[in-house]
Amino acid sequence: MRILAATAILATALVALPSSQTSQDSRPSSSLERAFPSSGRINFSLSAGEYRITGSPDNHLRLKWSVRDPDDLSKVFAAADVSGRDATITTDGPNNFKADIQVPSRADLYVRLTAGELTIEGIEGNKDVSLHAGELVIDVGRAEDYHSVAASVWAGEVHATPFHVSKEGLFRSFNWTGKGPYSLEARLKAGELHLRSKSAAAQR
């Protein structure tokens, strides 16, 4: 596991805020920001932790992370590498690592997380998300925006209200086809997988 201080993050030419702050829940935190165009592709390679990926109204990538112990802040590696319309976001942190990530509200996401909790909401585009163990929650927007949806869990639960699916147990999965422009693949080995629609709920 690489352990880099905030000076190493600055060396990657990222626009970073001061390396030691105090977040609203009094956890030591730091952050970085990078310009990135809408409708690009973002690859995520995330270590275990609690993540929230949300859509931003402007064309920027923003990461803010926190840890429980001030001494652990220097053990965090966080990077956002941009090349044209492609970006790679990488994290490596200690236990109790939390991160809030903002991306343009129109983007294609390819996410790999080892274990923990992941919430994705407010982002329109193709999504390919895989998690070994934990809880995965994805706001899919409108069901009619997708031409294909595939979700599976080896052991646990999969609930997809917009697609009228709810299953529990071993090796549970479903496939759905429509006429929209986007695809969605969500895979979880053990835990709970939820596909929701905040926009549909708001219309009720």
N, C-alpha and C. Protein backbone atom coordinates (compact mmCIF):
# COMPACT_ATOMS: atom_id res chain seq x y z
N MET A 1 0.85 -1.19 0.00
CA MET A 1 0.00 0.00 0.00
C MET A 1 0.89 1.24 0.00
N ARG A 2 0.67 2.12 -0.97
CA ARG A 2 1.46 3.34 -1.00
C ARG A 2 0.94 4.34 0.00
N ILE A 3 1.84 5.01 0.68
CA ILE A 3 1.47 6.01 1.66
C ILE A 3 2.13 7.31 1.24
N LEU A 4 1.32 8.28 0.83
CA LEU A 4 1.86 9.55 0.36
C LEU A 4 1.28 10.69 1.16
N ALA A 5 2.10 11.67 1.47
CA ALA A 5 1.64 12.87 2.17
C ALA A 5 1.04 13.83 1.18
N ALA A 6 0.51 14.95 1.71
CA ALA A 6 -0.15 15.93 0.85
C ALA A 6 0.82 16.52 -0.15
N THR A 7 2.13 16.58 0.17
CA THR A 7 3.09 17.12 -0.79
C THR A 7 3.17 16.27 -2.04
N ALA A 8 3.00 14.96 -1.88
CA ALA A 8 3.02 14.09 -3.05
C ALA A 8 1.80 14.30 -3.91
N ILE A 9 0.67 14.59 -3.29
CA ILE A 9 -0.54 14.87 -4.05
C ILE A 9 -0.37 16.15 -4.86
N LEU A 10 0.26 17.17 -4.27
CA LEU A 10 0.50 18.40 -4.98
C LEU A 10 1.41 18.16 -6.17
N ALA A 11 2.31 17.23 -6.06
CA ALA A 11 3.26 16.96 -7.13
C ALA A 11 2.61 16.38 -8.36
N THR A 12 1.39 15.86 -8.24
CA THR A 12 0.68 15.32 -9.38
C THR A 12 -0.05 16.39 -10.16
N ALA A 13 0.15 17.65 -9.79
CA ALA A 13 -0.45 18.81 -10.47
C ALA A 13 -1.94 18.90 -10.24
N LEU A 14 -2.43 18.33 -9.17
CA LEU A 14 -3.82 18.47 -8.80
C LEU A 14 -3.98 19.74 -8.01
N VAL A 15 -5.17 20.32 -8.06
CA VAL A 15 -5.46 21.51 -7.28
C VAL A 15 -6.00 21.05 -5.94
N ALA A 16 -5.20 21.11 -4.90
CA ALA A 16 -5.58 20.56 -3.61
C ALA A 16 -5.75 21.66 -2.59
N LEU A 17 -6.66 21.46 -1.70
CA LEU A 17 -6.86 22.34 -0.58
C LEU A 17 -5.86 21.99 0.51
N PRO A 18 -5.77 22.77 1.58
CA PRO A 18 -4.81 22.45 2.64
C PRO A 18 -4.96 21.02 3.11
N SER A 19 -3.82 20.40 3.48
CA SER A 19 -3.80 18.96 3.72
C SER A 19 -4.46 18.58 5.04
N SER A 20 -4.70 19.50 5.91
CA SER A 20 -5.29 19.16 7.19
C SER A 20 -6.38 20.15 7.53
N GLN A 21 -7.61 19.66 7.58
CA GLN A 21 -8.76 20.47 7.92
C GLN A 21 -9.60 19.71 8.94
N THR A 22 -10.71 20.28 9.31
CA THR A 22 -11.65 19.60 10.19
C THR A 22 -13.01 19.60 9.52
N SER A 23 -13.54 18.41 9.24
CA SER A 23 -14.83 18.31 8.59
C SER A 23 -15.95 18.55 9.60
N GLN A 24 -17.19 18.56 9.07
CA GLN A 24 -18.32 18.89 9.93
C GLN A 24 -18.48 17.90 11.07
N ASP A 25 -18.06 16.64 10.88
CA ASP A 25 -18.17 15.66 11.96
C ASP A 25 -16.86 15.55 12.75
N SER A 26 -16.02 16.60 12.64
CA SER A 26 -14.77 16.72 13.41
C SER A 26 -13.75 15.67 13.04
N ARG A 27 -13.83 15.12 11.85
CA ARG A 27 -12.82 14.18 11.36
C ARG A 27 -11.77 14.95 10.56
N PRO A 28 -10.49 14.67 10.75
CA PRO A 28 -9.46 15.30 9.93
C PRO A 28 -9.72 15.01 8.46
N SER A 29 -9.57 16.02 7.60
CA SER A 29 -9.94 15.85 6.20
C SER A 29 -9.00 16.61 5.28
N SER A 30 -9.08 16.27 4.01
CA SER A 30 -8.35 16.98 2.97
C SER A 30 -9.14 16.83 1.67
N SER A 31 -8.70 17.52 0.60
CA SER A 31 -9.48 17.49 -0.62
C SER A 31 -8.63 17.88 -1.82
N LEU A 32 -9.17 17.63 -3.01
CA LEU A 32 -8.54 18.06 -4.24
C LEU A 32 -9.62 18.34 -5.28
N GLU A 33 -9.25 19.08 -6.32
CA GLU A 33 -10.19 19.46 -7.36
C GLU A 33 -9.47 19.50 -8.70
N ARG A 34 -10.19 19.08 -9.75
CA ARG A 34 -9.60 19.07 -11.08
C ARG A 34 -10.68 19.32 -12.12
N ALA A 35 -10.41 20.15 -13.12
CA ALA A 35 -11.36 20.38 -14.20
C ALA A 35 -11.52 19.12 -15.04
N PHE A 36 -12.76 18.83 -15.47
CA PHE A 36 -13.04 17.65 -16.29
C PHE A 36 -14.32 17.89 -17.08
N PRO A 37 -14.33 17.59 -18.39
CA PRO A 37 -15.50 17.90 -19.22
C PRO A 37 -16.68 16.98 -18.95
N SER A 38 -17.85 17.48 -19.24
CA SER A 38 -19.07 16.66 -19.16
C SER A 38 -19.04 15.59 -20.23
N SER A 39 -19.76 14.50 -20.00
CA SER A 39 -19.92 13.38 -20.93
C SER A 39 -18.63 12.60 -21.13
N GLY A 40 -17.71 12.67 -20.18
CA GLY A 40 -16.49 11.87 -20.25
C GLY A 40 -16.66 10.54 -19.54
N ARG A 41 -15.57 9.77 -19.50
CA ARG A 41 -15.56 8.48 -18.83
C ARG A 41 -14.63 8.57 -17.62
N ILE A 42 -15.13 8.08 -16.47
CA ILE A 42 -14.37 8.16 -15.23
C ILE A 42 -14.20 6.75 -14.68
N ASN A 43 -12.95 6.35 -14.48
CA ASN A 43 -12.62 5.06 -13.89
C ASN A 43 -12.26 5.27 -12.41
N PHE A 44 -12.84 4.45 -11.56
CA PHE A 44 -12.59 4.53 -10.12
C PHE A 44 -11.93 3.24 -9.64
N SER A 45 -10.80 3.38 -8.96
CA SER A 45 -10.16 2.25 -8.28
C SER A 45 -10.07 2.63 -6.81
N LEU A 46 -10.98 2.08 -6.00
CA LEU A 46 -11.20 2.56 -4.63
C LEU A 46 -10.87 1.48 -3.61
N SER A 47 -10.11 1.88 -2.59
CA SER A 47 -9.84 0.97 -1.48
C SER A 47 -11.05 0.93 -0.56
N ALA A 48 -11.03 0.05 0.41
CA ALA A 48 -12.16 -0.13 1.31
C ALA A 48 -12.49 1.18 2.02
N GLY A 49 -13.79 1.43 2.15
CA GLY A 49 -14.20 2.65 2.82
C GLY A 49 -15.67 2.96 2.56
N GLU A 50 -16.04 4.16 2.91
CA GLU A 50 -17.41 4.65 2.71
C GLU A 50 -17.37 5.79 1.69
N TYR A 51 -18.07 5.60 0.58
CA TYR A 51 -17.99 6.55 -0.54
C TYR A 51 -19.37 7.04 -0.95
N ARG A 52 -19.40 8.30 -1.38
CA ARG A 52 -20.60 8.88 -1.98
C ARG A 52 -20.17 9.62 -3.24
N ILE A 53 -20.67 9.15 -4.38
CA ILE A 53 -20.34 9.77 -5.67
C ILE A 53 -21.60 10.46 -6.18
N THR A 54 -21.52 11.77 -6.39
CA THR A 54 -22.69 12.54 -6.78
C THR A 54 -22.38 13.42 -7.98
N GLY A 55 -23.45 13.85 -8.65
CA GLY A 55 -23.31 14.72 -9.79
C GLY A 55 -23.14 16.17 -9.39
N SER A 56 -22.29 16.88 -10.12
CA SER A 56 -22.04 18.29 -9.88
C SER A 56 -22.57 19.09 -11.07
N PRO A 57 -23.06 20.32 -10.87
CA PRO A 57 -23.58 21.11 -11.99
C PRO A 57 -22.50 21.68 -12.89
N ASP A 58 -21.23 21.66 -12.45
CA ASP A 58 -20.16 22.21 -13.28
C ASP A 58 -19.19 21.11 -13.70
N ASN A 59 -18.25 21.46 -14.54
CA ASN A 59 -17.33 20.47 -15.11
C ASN A 59 -16.06 20.37 -14.28
N HIS A 60 -16.20 19.75 -13.12
CA HIS A 60 -15.07 19.54 -12.22
C HIS A 60 -15.18 18.19 -11.53
N LEU A 61 -14.03 17.64 -11.18
CA LEU A 61 -13.95 16.51 -10.27
C LEU A 61 -13.53 17.06 -8.92
N ARG A 62 -14.25 16.68 -7.88
CA ARG A 62 -13.91 17.12 -6.52
C ARG A 62 -13.90 15.92 -5.59
N LEU A 63 -12.83 15.78 -4.84
CA LEU A 63 -12.72 14.72 -3.85
C LEU A 63 -12.47 15.35 -2.49
N LYS A 64 -13.24 14.91 -1.51
CA LYS A 64 -12.97 15.29 -0.13
C LYS A 64 -12.99 14.03 0.70
N TRP A 65 -11.93 13.81 1.45
CA TRP A 65 -11.84 12.58 2.24
C TRP A 65 -11.52 12.91 3.69
N SER A 66 -11.86 11.97 4.56
CA SER A 66 -11.63 12.16 5.99
C SER A 66 -11.26 10.83 6.63
N VAL A 67 -10.60 10.94 7.78
CA VAL A 67 -10.20 9.78 8.57
C VAL A 67 -10.52 10.07 10.03
N ARG A 68 -10.48 9.05 10.85
CA ARG A 68 -10.82 9.23 12.26
C ARG A 68 -9.65 9.81 13.05
N ASP A 69 -8.45 9.32 12.80
CA ASP A 69 -7.26 9.70 13.56
C ASP A 69 -6.44 10.71 12.75
N PRO A 70 -6.06 11.86 13.33
CA PRO A 70 -5.24 12.83 12.59
C PRO A 70 -3.96 12.23 12.02
N ASP A 71 -3.38 11.26 12.72
CA ASP A 71 -2.14 10.65 12.24
C ASP A 71 -2.35 9.83 10.97
N ASP A 72 -3.62 9.46 10.70
CA ASP A 72 -3.91 8.65 9.52
C ASP A 72 -4.02 9.47 8.24
N LEU A 73 -4.12 10.79 8.38
CA LEU A 73 -4.33 11.62 7.20
C LEU A 73 -3.15 11.51 6.23
N SER A 74 -1.96 11.40 6.76
CA SER A 74 -0.77 11.27 5.91
C SER A 74 -0.66 9.90 5.25
N LYS A 75 -1.50 8.96 5.67
CA LYS A 75 -1.47 7.62 5.10
C LYS A 75 -2.41 7.48 3.90
N VAL A 76 -3.12 8.55 3.57
CA VAL A 76 -4.09 8.51 2.48
C VAL A 76 -3.41 8.83 1.16
N PHE A 77 -3.69 8.02 0.16
CA PHE A 77 -3.33 8.35 -1.22
C PHE A 77 -4.61 8.61 -1.98
N ALA A 78 -4.71 9.77 -2.62
CA ALA A 78 -5.87 10.11 -3.43
C ALA A 78 -5.40 10.87 -4.65
N ALA A 79 -5.85 10.43 -5.83
CA ALA A 79 -5.40 11.05 -7.07
C ALA A 79 -6.53 11.10 -8.07
N ALA A 80 -6.51 12.12 -8.93
CA ALA A 80 -7.44 12.25 -10.04
C ALA A 80 -6.63 12.61 -11.27
N ASP A 81 -6.38 11.64 -12.13
CA ASP A 81 -5.59 11.84 -13.34
C ASP A 81 -6.52 12.04 -14.53
N VAL A 82 -6.35 13.12 -15.24
CA VAL A 82 -7.22 13.49 -16.35
C VAL A 82 -6.43 13.46 -17.65
N SER A 83 -7.00 12.81 -18.67
CA SER A 83 -6.42 12.80 -20.01
C SER A 83 -7.55 12.98 -21.01
N GLY A 84 -7.76 14.22 -21.45
CA GLY A 84 -8.84 14.50 -22.38
C GLY A 84 -10.20 14.26 -21.73
N ARG A 85 -10.97 13.34 -22.31
CA ARG A 85 -12.30 13.02 -21.80
C ARG A 85 -12.30 11.77 -20.93
N ASP A 86 -11.11 11.33 -20.52
CA ASP A 86 -10.97 10.18 -19.63
C ASP A 86 -10.31 10.62 -18.33
N ALA A 87 -10.80 10.06 -17.23
CA ALA A 87 -10.21 10.36 -15.92
C ALA A 87 -10.13 9.08 -15.11
N THR A 88 -9.14 9.02 -14.23
CA THR A 88 -8.99 7.90 -13.30
C THR A 88 -8.87 8.45 -11.89
N ILE A 89 -9.75 8.01 -11.03
CA ILE A 89 -9.72 8.40 -9.62
C ILE A 89 -9.30 7.19 -8.80
N THR A 90 -8.25 7.38 -8.00
CA THR A 90 -7.69 6.28 -7.22
C THR A 90 -7.58 6.70 -5.76
N THR A 91 -7.96 5.79 -4.86
CA THR A 91 -7.79 6.05 -3.44
C THR A 91 -7.17 4.84 -2.76
N ASP A 92 -6.45 5.13 -1.70
CA ASP A 92 -5.89 4.08 -0.85
C ASP A 92 -5.82 4.67 0.55
N GLY A 93 -6.63 4.18 1.46
CA GLY A 93 -6.70 4.78 2.78
C GLY A 93 -6.75 3.78 3.90
N PRO A 94 -6.61 4.24 5.13
CA PRO A 94 -6.67 3.37 6.30
C PRO A 94 -8.11 3.00 6.65
N ASN A 95 -8.28 2.30 7.76
CA ASN A 95 -9.62 1.98 8.23
C ASN A 95 -10.39 3.27 8.54
N ASN A 96 -11.72 3.20 8.42
CA ASN A 96 -12.60 4.33 8.68
C ASN A 96 -12.39 5.46 7.67
N PHE A 97 -11.95 5.12 6.48
CA PHE A 97 -11.76 6.10 5.42
C PHE A 97 -13.11 6.44 4.80
N LYS A 98 -13.39 7.74 4.65
CA LYS A 98 -14.61 8.21 4.03
C LYS A 98 -14.27 9.20 2.93
N ALA A 99 -15.05 9.19 1.85
CA ALA A 99 -14.80 10.12 0.76
C ALA A 99 -16.10 10.54 0.09
N ASP A 100 -16.22 11.82 -0.19
CA ASP A 100 -17.30 12.37 -1.01
C ASP A 100 -16.67 12.80 -2.33
N ILE A 101 -17.21 12.31 -3.43
CA ILE A 101 -16.66 12.58 -4.76
C ILE A 101 -17.74 13.19 -5.63
N GLN A 102 -17.44 14.34 -6.22
CA GLN A 102 -18.35 14.98 -7.17
C GLN A 102 -17.77 14.87 -8.57
N VAL A 103 -18.63 14.56 -9.53
CA VAL A 103 -18.24 14.49 -10.94
C VAL A 103 -19.31 15.21 -11.75
N PRO A 104 -19.03 15.56 -13.01
CA PRO A 104 -20.09 16.17 -13.83
C PRO A 104 -21.34 15.30 -13.85
N SER A 105 -22.50 15.91 -13.87
CA SER A 105 -23.75 15.16 -13.76
C SER A 105 -24.04 14.30 -14.99
N ARG A 106 -23.31 14.52 -16.09
CA ARG A 106 -23.37 13.61 -17.23
C ARG A 106 -22.00 12.99 -17.40
N ALA A 107 -21.89 11.69 -17.09
CA ALA A 107 -20.61 11.00 -17.16
C ALA A 107 -20.84 9.49 -17.18
N ASP A 108 -19.92 8.77 -17.83
CA ASP A 108 -19.93 7.31 -17.78
C ASP A 108 -19.01 6.87 -16.64
N LEU A 109 -19.48 5.94 -15.82
CA LEU A 109 -18.75 5.54 -14.62
C LEU A 109 -18.34 4.07 -14.71
N TYR A 110 -17.08 3.80 -14.39
CA TYR A 110 -16.56 2.44 -14.25
C TYR A 110 -15.94 2.38 -12.85
N VAL A 111 -16.61 1.69 -11.91
CA VAL A 111 -16.24 1.76 -10.50
C VAL A 111 -15.88 0.38 -9.98
N ARG A 112 -14.72 0.31 -9.31
CA ARG A 112 -14.31 -0.91 -8.63
C ARG A 112 -13.96 -0.56 -7.18
N LEU A 113 -14.67 -1.16 -6.24
CA LEU A 113 -14.46 -0.93 -4.81
C LEU A 113 -14.25 -2.26 -4.13
N THR A 114 -13.21 -2.35 -3.28
CA THR A 114 -12.94 -3.63 -2.62
C THR A 114 -14.05 -3.99 -1.64
N ALA A 115 -14.35 -3.11 -0.69
CA ALA A 115 -15.38 -3.40 0.31
C ALA A 115 -15.79 -2.11 0.99
N GLY A 116 -17.04 -2.10 1.47
CA GLY A 116 -17.52 -0.93 2.20
C GLY A 116 -18.91 -0.53 1.78
N GLU A 117 -19.15 0.78 1.75
CA GLU A 117 -20.44 1.33 1.37
C GLU A 117 -20.24 2.31 0.22
N LEU A 118 -21.08 2.18 -0.79
CA LEU A 118 -20.98 3.06 -1.96
C LEU A 118 -22.37 3.52 -2.36
N THR A 119 -22.52 4.84 -2.48
CA THR A 119 -23.76 5.44 -2.96
C THR A 119 -23.44 6.28 -4.19
N ILE A 120 -24.21 6.08 -5.26
CA ILE A 120 -24.06 6.86 -6.48
C ILE A 120 -25.41 7.50 -6.79
N GLU A 121 -25.42 8.82 -6.99
CA GLU A 121 -26.69 9.48 -7.27
C GLU A 121 -26.47 10.76 -8.07
N GLY A 122 -27.49 11.11 -8.84
CA GLY A 122 -27.48 12.36 -9.59
C GLY A 122 -26.56 12.37 -10.78
N ILE A 123 -26.27 11.18 -11.38
CA ILE A 123 -25.35 11.10 -12.51
C ILE A 123 -26.03 10.35 -13.65
N GLU A 124 -26.09 10.97 -14.81
CA GLU A 124 -26.71 10.39 -15.99
C GLU A 124 -25.63 9.83 -16.90
N GLY A 125 -25.78 8.55 -17.29
CA GLY A 125 -24.79 7.93 -18.17
C GLY A 125 -24.69 6.44 -17.96
N ASN A 126 -23.76 5.81 -18.66
CA ASN A 126 -23.51 4.38 -18.49
C ASN A 126 -22.82 4.15 -17.14
N LYS A 127 -23.15 3.02 -16.52
CA LYS A 127 -22.57 2.71 -15.21
C LYS A 127 -22.19 1.23 -15.17
N ASP A 128 -20.95 0.97 -14.77
CA ASP A 128 -20.45 -0.38 -14.57
C ASP A 128 -19.80 -0.38 -13.18
N VAL A 129 -20.45 -1.03 -12.22
CA VAL A 129 -20.06 -0.92 -10.81
C VAL A 129 -19.91 -2.30 -10.21
N SER A 130 -18.80 -2.53 -9.51
CA SER A 130 -18.55 -3.82 -8.88
C SER A 130 -18.00 -3.60 -7.47
N LEU A 131 -18.52 -4.39 -6.53
CA LEU A 131 -18.14 -4.29 -5.12
C LEU A 131 -18.03 -5.70 -4.55
N HIS A 132 -16.94 -5.98 -3.83
CA HIS A 132 -16.76 -7.32 -3.27
C HIS A 132 -17.75 -7.58 -2.13
N ALA A 133 -17.79 -6.69 -1.15
CA ALA A 133 -18.66 -6.91 0.00
C ALA A 133 -19.07 -5.57 0.58
N GLY A 134 -20.35 -5.52 0.98
CA GLY A 134 -20.84 -4.30 1.60
C GLY A 134 -22.22 -3.92 1.10
N GLU A 135 -22.44 -2.62 0.95
CA GLU A 135 -23.73 -2.11 0.50
C GLU A 135 -23.53 -1.18 -0.69
N LEU A 136 -24.29 -1.43 -1.75
CA LEU A 136 -24.21 -0.63 -2.97
C LEU A 136 -25.58 -0.04 -3.26
N VAL A 137 -25.65 1.28 -3.35
CA VAL A 137 -26.90 1.98 -3.64
C VAL A 137 -26.68 2.87 -4.86
N ILE A 138 -27.49 2.68 -5.90
CA ILE A 138 -27.35 3.47 -7.12
C ILE A 138 -28.69 4.13 -7.45
N ASP A 139 -28.66 5.44 -7.60
CA ASP A 139 -29.81 6.18 -8.10
C ASP A 139 -29.76 6.08 -9.62
N VAL A 140 -30.72 5.36 -10.22
CA VAL A 140 -30.68 5.11 -11.66
C VAL A 140 -31.37 6.21 -12.46
N GLY A 141 -31.99 7.16 -11.77
CA GLY A 141 -32.74 8.17 -12.50
C GLY A 141 -34.06 7.58 -12.99
N ARG A 142 -34.26 7.56 -14.32
CA ARG A 142 -35.48 6.99 -14.90
C ARG A 142 -35.17 5.64 -15.55
N ALA A 143 -36.03 4.67 -15.31
CA ALA A 143 -35.83 3.35 -15.91
C ALA A 143 -35.79 3.43 -17.43
N GLU A 144 -36.57 4.33 -18.02
CA GLU A 144 -36.65 4.43 -19.47
C GLU A 144 -35.38 5.01 -20.09
N ASP A 145 -34.41 5.44 -19.27
CA ASP A 145 -33.15 5.96 -19.81
C ASP A 145 -32.18 4.83 -20.17
N TYR A 146 -32.54 3.56 -19.92
CA TYR A 146 -31.61 2.46 -20.11
C TYR A 146 -32.08 1.50 -21.20
N HIS A 147 -31.09 0.98 -21.96
CA HIS A 147 -31.41 -0.08 -22.92
C HIS A 147 -31.08 -1.46 -22.36
N SER A 148 -30.21 -1.50 -21.32
CA SER A 148 -29.93 -2.78 -20.68
C SER A 148 -29.53 -2.56 -19.23
N VAL A 149 -30.03 -3.42 -18.37
CA VAL A 149 -29.70 -3.38 -16.95
C VAL A 149 -29.42 -4.81 -16.50
N ALA A 150 -28.29 -5.02 -15.84
CA ALA A 150 -27.95 -6.33 -15.28
C ALA A 150 -27.42 -6.13 -13.87
N ALA A 151 -27.99 -6.83 -12.92
CA ALA A 151 -27.57 -6.70 -11.53
C ALA A 151 -27.51 -8.09 -10.91
N SER A 152 -26.51 -8.30 -10.03
CA SER A 152 -26.37 -9.62 -9.42
C SER A 152 -25.71 -9.51 -8.06
N VAL A 153 -26.03 -10.49 -7.20
CA VAL A 153 -25.38 -10.62 -5.89
C VAL A 153 -25.18 -12.11 -5.63
N TRP A 154 -23.97 -12.47 -5.20
CA TRP A 154 -23.71 -13.89 -4.92
C TRP A 154 -24.42 -14.33 -3.66
N ALA A 155 -24.36 -13.51 -2.63
CA ALA A 155 -25.02 -13.83 -1.37
C ALA A 155 -25.53 -12.54 -0.75
N GLY A 156 -26.85 -12.44 -0.64
CA GLY A 156 -27.40 -11.21 -0.07
C GLY A 156 -28.73 -10.83 -0.68
N GLU A 157 -28.86 -9.55 -1.00
CA GLU A 157 -30.14 -9.03 -1.48
C GLU A 157 -29.92 -8.10 -2.67
N VAL A 158 -30.86 -8.13 -3.59
CA VAL A 158 -30.89 -7.17 -4.68
C VAL A 158 -32.32 -6.62 -4.78
N HIS A 159 -32.43 -5.32 -4.66
CA HIS A 159 -33.73 -4.64 -4.72
C HIS A 159 -33.65 -3.54 -5.77
N ALA A 160 -34.53 -3.61 -6.75
CA ALA A 160 -34.52 -2.65 -7.85
C ALA A 160 -35.95 -2.20 -8.13
N THR A 161 -36.43 -1.28 -7.33
CA THR A 161 -37.82 -0.82 -7.43
C THR A 161 -38.18 -0.29 -8.82
N PRO A 162 -37.32 0.51 -9.49
CA PRO A 162 -37.70 1.01 -10.81
C PRO A 162 -37.91 -0.10 -11.83
N PHE A 163 -37.34 -1.29 -11.58
CA PHE A 163 -37.46 -2.40 -12.52
C PHE A 163 -38.32 -3.54 -11.95
N HIS A 164 -38.98 -3.25 -10.82
CA HIS A 164 -39.94 -4.18 -10.20
C HIS A 164 -39.29 -5.52 -9.84
N VAL A 165 -38.13 -5.44 -9.20
CA VAL A 165 -37.38 -6.64 -8.82
C VAL A 165 -36.98 -6.55 -7.35
N SER A 166 -37.16 -7.66 -6.64
CA SER A 166 -36.68 -7.77 -5.27
C SER A 166 -36.37 -9.24 -5.00
N LYS A 167 -35.08 -9.53 -4.71
CA LYS A 167 -34.68 -10.92 -4.51
C LYS A 167 -33.69 -11.01 -3.35
N GLU A 168 -33.73 -12.14 -2.65
CA GLU A 168 -32.80 -12.39 -1.54
C GLU A 168 -32.33 -13.83 -1.61
N GLY A 169 -31.10 -14.06 -1.13
CA GLY A 169 -30.58 -15.42 -1.08
C GLY A 169 -29.24 -15.54 -1.77
N LEU A 170 -28.97 -16.72 -2.35
CA LEU A 170 -27.71 -17.00 -3.02
C LEU A 170 -27.87 -16.89 -4.53
N PHE A 171 -26.85 -16.31 -5.17
CA PHE A 171 -26.78 -16.21 -6.63
C PHE A 171 -28.06 -15.62 -7.23
N ARG A 172 -28.39 -14.42 -6.76
CA ARG A 172 -29.58 -13.73 -7.24
C ARG A 172 -29.17 -12.70 -8.30
N SER A 173 -29.95 -12.62 -9.36
CA SER A 173 -29.64 -11.69 -10.43
C SER A 173 -30.89 -11.38 -11.24
N PHE A 174 -30.80 -10.34 -12.06
CA PHE A 174 -31.86 -10.06 -13.01
C PHE A 174 -31.29 -9.28 -14.18
N ASN A 175 -31.99 -9.38 -15.32
CA ASN A 175 -31.64 -8.63 -16.53
C ASN A 175 -32.88 -7.93 -17.03
N TRP A 176 -32.73 -6.72 -17.52
CA TRP A 176 -33.85 -5.90 -17.98
C TRP A 176 -33.43 -5.20 -19.27
N THR A 177 -34.33 -5.09 -20.22
CA THR A 177 -34.03 -4.40 -21.46
C THR A 177 -35.05 -3.31 -21.72
N GLY A 178 -34.59 -2.22 -22.31
CA GLY A 178 -35.46 -1.11 -22.63
C GLY A 178 -35.01 -0.43 -23.91
N LYS A 179 -35.37 0.83 -24.07
CA LYS A 179 -35.06 1.55 -25.32
C LYS A 179 -34.26 2.82 -25.08
N GLY A 180 -33.72 2.96 -23.89
CA GLY A 180 -32.95 4.16 -23.57
C GLY A 180 -31.52 4.11 -24.09
N PRO A 181 -30.75 5.18 -23.91
CA PRO A 181 -29.39 5.25 -24.45
C PRO A 181 -28.31 4.63 -23.57
N TYR A 182 -28.61 4.30 -22.31
CA TYR A 182 -27.56 3.93 -21.37
C TYR A 182 -27.64 2.46 -20.96
N SER A 183 -26.51 1.96 -20.45
CA SER A 183 -26.45 0.62 -19.89
C SER A 183 -26.04 0.70 -18.43
N LEU A 184 -26.45 -0.30 -17.66
CA LEU A 184 -26.11 -0.37 -16.24
C LEU A 184 -25.76 -1.80 -15.88
N GLU A 185 -24.58 -2.00 -15.29
CA GLU A 185 -24.18 -3.29 -14.74
C GLU A 185 -23.76 -3.07 -13.30
N ALA A 186 -24.33 -3.84 -12.38
CA ALA A 186 -24.00 -3.71 -10.96
C ALA A 186 -23.80 -5.11 -10.39
N ARG A 187 -22.64 -5.33 -9.78
CA ARG A 187 -22.31 -6.65 -9.26
C ARG A 187 -21.82 -6.54 -7.82
N LEU A 188 -22.29 -7.42 -6.99
CA LEU A 188 -21.91 -7.46 -5.58
C LEU A 188 -21.75 -8.92 -5.17
N LYS A 189 -20.63 -9.24 -4.51
CA LYS A 189 -20.42 -10.63 -4.09
C LYS A 189 -21.21 -10.95 -2.83
N ALA A 190 -21.16 -10.06 -1.84
CA ALA A 190 -21.88 -10.32 -0.60
C ALA A 190 -22.36 -9.00 -0.01
N GLY A 191 -23.68 -8.94 0.26
CA GLY A 191 -24.22 -7.73 0.86
C GLY A 191 -25.56 -7.35 0.28
N GLU A 192 -25.81 -6.04 0.19
CA GLU A 192 -27.08 -5.53 -0.29
C GLU A 192 -26.85 -4.60 -1.48
N LEU A 193 -27.63 -4.82 -2.51
CA LEU A 193 -27.57 -4.01 -3.73
C LEU A 193 -28.93 -3.36 -3.94
N HIS A 194 -28.95 -2.05 -4.03
CA HIS A 194 -30.20 -1.30 -4.20
C HIS A 194 -30.12 -0.41 -5.42
N LEU A 195 -31.06 -0.56 -6.34
CA LEU A 195 -31.23 0.35 -7.47
C LEU A 195 -32.48 1.16 -7.20
N ARG A 196 -32.33 2.48 -7.12
CA ARG A 196 -33.45 3.34 -6.76
C ARG A 196 -33.61 4.45 -7.78
N SER A 197 -34.72 5.17 -7.66
CA SER A 197 -34.96 6.32 -8.53
C SER A 197 -35.46 7.47 -7.67
N LYS A 198 -34.55 8.40 -7.36
CA LYS A 198 -34.93 9.56 -6.57
C LYS A 198 -35.87 10.47 -7.34
N SER A 199 -35.67 10.56 -8.67
CA SER A 199 -36.53 11.43 -9.48
C SER A 199 -37.96 10.91 -9.51
N ALA A 200 -38.11 9.57 -9.59
CA ALA A 200 -39.45 8.98 -9.60
C ALA A 200 -40.13 9.19 -8.25
N ALA A 201 -39.37 9.06 -7.16
CA ALA A 201 -39.93 9.24 -5.83
C ALA A 201 -40.38 10.68 -5.63
N ALA A 202 -39.63 11.63 -6.21
CA ALA A 202 -39.98 13.04 -6.04
C ALA A 202 -41.25 13.41 -6.79
N GLN A 203 -41.59 12.62 -7.83
CA GLN A 203 -42.78 12.92 -8.61
C GLN A 203 -44.05 12.38 -7.99
N ARG A 204 -43.92 11.53 -6.97
CA ARG A 204 -45.12 10.95 -6.36
C ARG A 204 -45.85 11.98 -5.50
